[in-house]
Amino acid sequence: MATALEKTPPRKTDNNANQTHYYVTLAIAVAIGLAGTFLRFLQDSALLSAISNILLALGWFIVFRVVFRIMK
């Protein structure tokens, strides 16, 4: 004898890790970090070293912020 299975409604999850704006922001942050790395090897001057350090720090900050928002 066959038993009737009740259909369960689909679960609504709060998983928003698949949203594209996170990954677009990550790509921009990586590009900022790569620009900072490129400037580091361009010339040996204090100004370019300072700019490259700022760009690298900004890129890392954005990456960590977005990754931890995805994990949340």
C-alpha atoms as a PDB file:
ATOM      1  CA  MET A   1       0.000   0.000   0.000  1.00  0.00           C
ATOM      2  CA  ALA A   2       1.416   3.354  -1.022  1.00  0.00           C
ATOM      3  CA  THR A   3       1.553   6.174   1.479  1.00  0.00           C
ATOM      4  CA  ALA A   4       0.911   9.751   0.530  1.00  0.00           C
ATOM      5  CA  LEU A   5       3.777  12.089   1.238  1.00  0.00           C
ATOM      6  CA  GLU A   6       3.003  15.604   2.289  1.00  0.00           C
ATOM      7  CA  LYS A   7       4.775  18.303   0.365  1.00  0.00           C
ATOM      8  CA  THR A   8       6.816  20.533   2.605  1.00  0.00           C
ATOM      9  CA  PRO A   9       7.136  24.209   1.775  1.00  0.00           C
ATOM     10  CA  PRO A  10      10.589  25.321   0.647  1.00  0.00           C
ATOM     11  CA  ARG A  11      12.813  26.646   3.392  1.00  0.00           C
ATOM     12  CA  LYS A  12      13.593  30.298   3.472  1.00  0.00           C
ATOM     13  CA  THR A  13      17.217  30.775   4.431  1.00  0.00           C
ATOM     14  CA  ASP A  14      19.060  33.920   5.320  1.00  0.00           C
ATOM     15  CA  ASN A  15      22.088  32.816   3.313  1.00  0.00           C
ATOM     16  CA  ASN A  16      23.063  35.827   1.276  1.00  0.00           C
ATOM     17  CA  ALA A  17      26.553  34.656   0.314  1.00  0.00           C
ATOM     18  CA  ASN A  18      25.513  34.225  -3.309  1.00  0.00           C
ATOM     19  CA  GLN A  19      24.733  37.887  -3.869  1.00  0.00           C
ATOM     20  CA  THR A  20      26.850  39.378  -6.613  1.00  0.00           C
ATOM     21  CA  HIS A  21      27.621  42.702  -4.947  1.00  0.00           C
ATOM     22  CA  TYR A  22      29.917  40.937  -2.485  1.00  0.00           C
ATOM     23  CA  TYR A  23      32.008  39.465  -5.242  1.00  0.00           C
ATOM     24  CA  VAL A  24      32.099  42.668  -7.277  1.00  0.00           C
ATOM     25  CA  THR A  25      33.377  44.469  -4.175  1.00  0.00           C
ATOM     26  CA  LEU A  26      35.971  41.729  -3.641  1.00  0.00           C
ATOM     27  CA  ALA A  27      37.189  42.077  -7.228  1.00  0.00           C
ATOM     28  CA  ILE A  28      37.521  45.858  -6.829  1.00  0.00           C
ATOM     29  CA  ALA A  29      39.383  45.429  -3.533  1.00  0.00           C
ATOM     30  CA  VAL A  30      41.796  42.951  -5.112  1.00  0.00           C
ATOM     31  CA  ALA A  31      42.389  45.386  -7.983  1.00  0.00           C
ATOM     32  CA  ILE A  32      43.180  48.135  -5.447  1.00  0.00           C
ATOM     33  CA  GLY A  33      45.638  45.825  -3.705  1.00  0.00           C
ATOM     34  CA  LEU A  34      47.281  44.904  -7.006  1.00  0.00           C
ATOM     35  CA  ALA A  35      47.641  48.586  -7.893  1.00  0.00           C
ATOM     36  CA  GLY A  36      49.358  49.134  -4.543  1.00  0.00           C
ATOM     37  CA  THR A  37      51.700  46.243  -5.241  1.00  0.00           C
ATOM     38  CA  PHE A  38      52.493  47.589  -8.706  1.00  0.00           C
ATOM     39  CA  LEU A  39      53.283  51.046  -7.317  1.00  0.00           C
ATOM     40  CA  ARG A  40      55.626  49.484  -4.789  1.00  0.00           C
ATOM     41  CA  PHE A  41      57.914  48.264  -7.575  1.00  0.00           C
ATOM     42  CA  LEU A  42      57.564  51.264  -9.873  1.00  0.00           C
ATOM     43  CA  GLN A  43      60.129  53.636  -8.408  1.00  0.00           C
ATOM     44  CA  ASP A  44      62.009  54.092  -5.173  1.00  0.00           C
ATOM     45  CA  SER A  45      60.477  57.231  -3.707  1.00  0.00           C
ATOM     46  CA  ALA A  46      58.897  57.994  -0.372  1.00  0.00           C
ATOM     47  CA  LEU A  47      55.700  59.315  -1.933  1.00  0.00           C
ATOM     48  CA  LEU A  48      55.060  56.221  -4.064  1.00  0.00           C
ATOM     49  CA  SER A  49      55.888  53.957  -1.132  1.00  0.00           C
ATOM     50  CA  ALA A  50      53.378  55.792   1.042  1.00  0.00           C
ATOM     51  CA  ILE A  51      50.694  55.652  -1.652  1.00  0.00           C
ATOM     52  CA  SER A  52      51.327  51.949  -2.255  1.00  0.00           C
ATOM     53  CA  ASN A  53      51.126  51.189   1.477  1.00  0.00           C
ATOM     54  CA  ILE A  54      47.838  53.096   1.721  1.00  0.00           C
ATOM     55  CA  LEU A  55      46.407  51.253  -1.292  1.00  0.00           C
ATOM     56  CA  LEU A  56      47.485  47.885   0.078  1.00  0.00           C
ATOM     57  CA  ALA A  57      45.987  48.629   3.495  1.00  0.00           C
ATOM     58  CA  LEU A  58      42.754  49.864   1.914  1.00  0.00           C
ATOM     59  CA  GLY A  59      42.500  46.761  -0.269  1.00  0.00           C
ATOM     60  CA  TRP A  60      43.084  44.410   2.661  1.00  0.00           C
ATOM     61  CA  PHE A  61      40.593  46.302   4.819  1.00  0.00           C
ATOM     62  CA  ILE A  62      37.865  46.046   2.179  1.00  0.00           C
ATOM     63  CA  VAL A  63      38.599  42.360   1.536  1.00  0.00           C
ATOM     64  CA  PHE A  64      38.435  41.418   5.209  1.00  0.00           C
ATOM     65  CA  ARG A  65      35.279  43.457   5.746  1.00  0.00           C
ATOM     66  CA  VAL A  66      33.482  41.799   2.823  1.00  0.00           C
ATOM     67  CA  VAL A  67      34.655  38.287   3.710  1.00  0.00           C
ATOM     68  CA  PHE A  68      33.465  38.633   7.289  1.00  0.00           C
ATOM     69  CA  ARG A  69      30.121  40.000   6.088  1.00  0.00           C
ATOM     70  CA  ILE A  70      29.751  36.956   3.836  1.00  0.00           C
ATOM     71  CA  MET A  71      30.577  34.626   6.736  1.00  0.00           C
ATOM     72  CA  LYS A  72      28.073  36.390   8.997  1.00  0.00           C
END
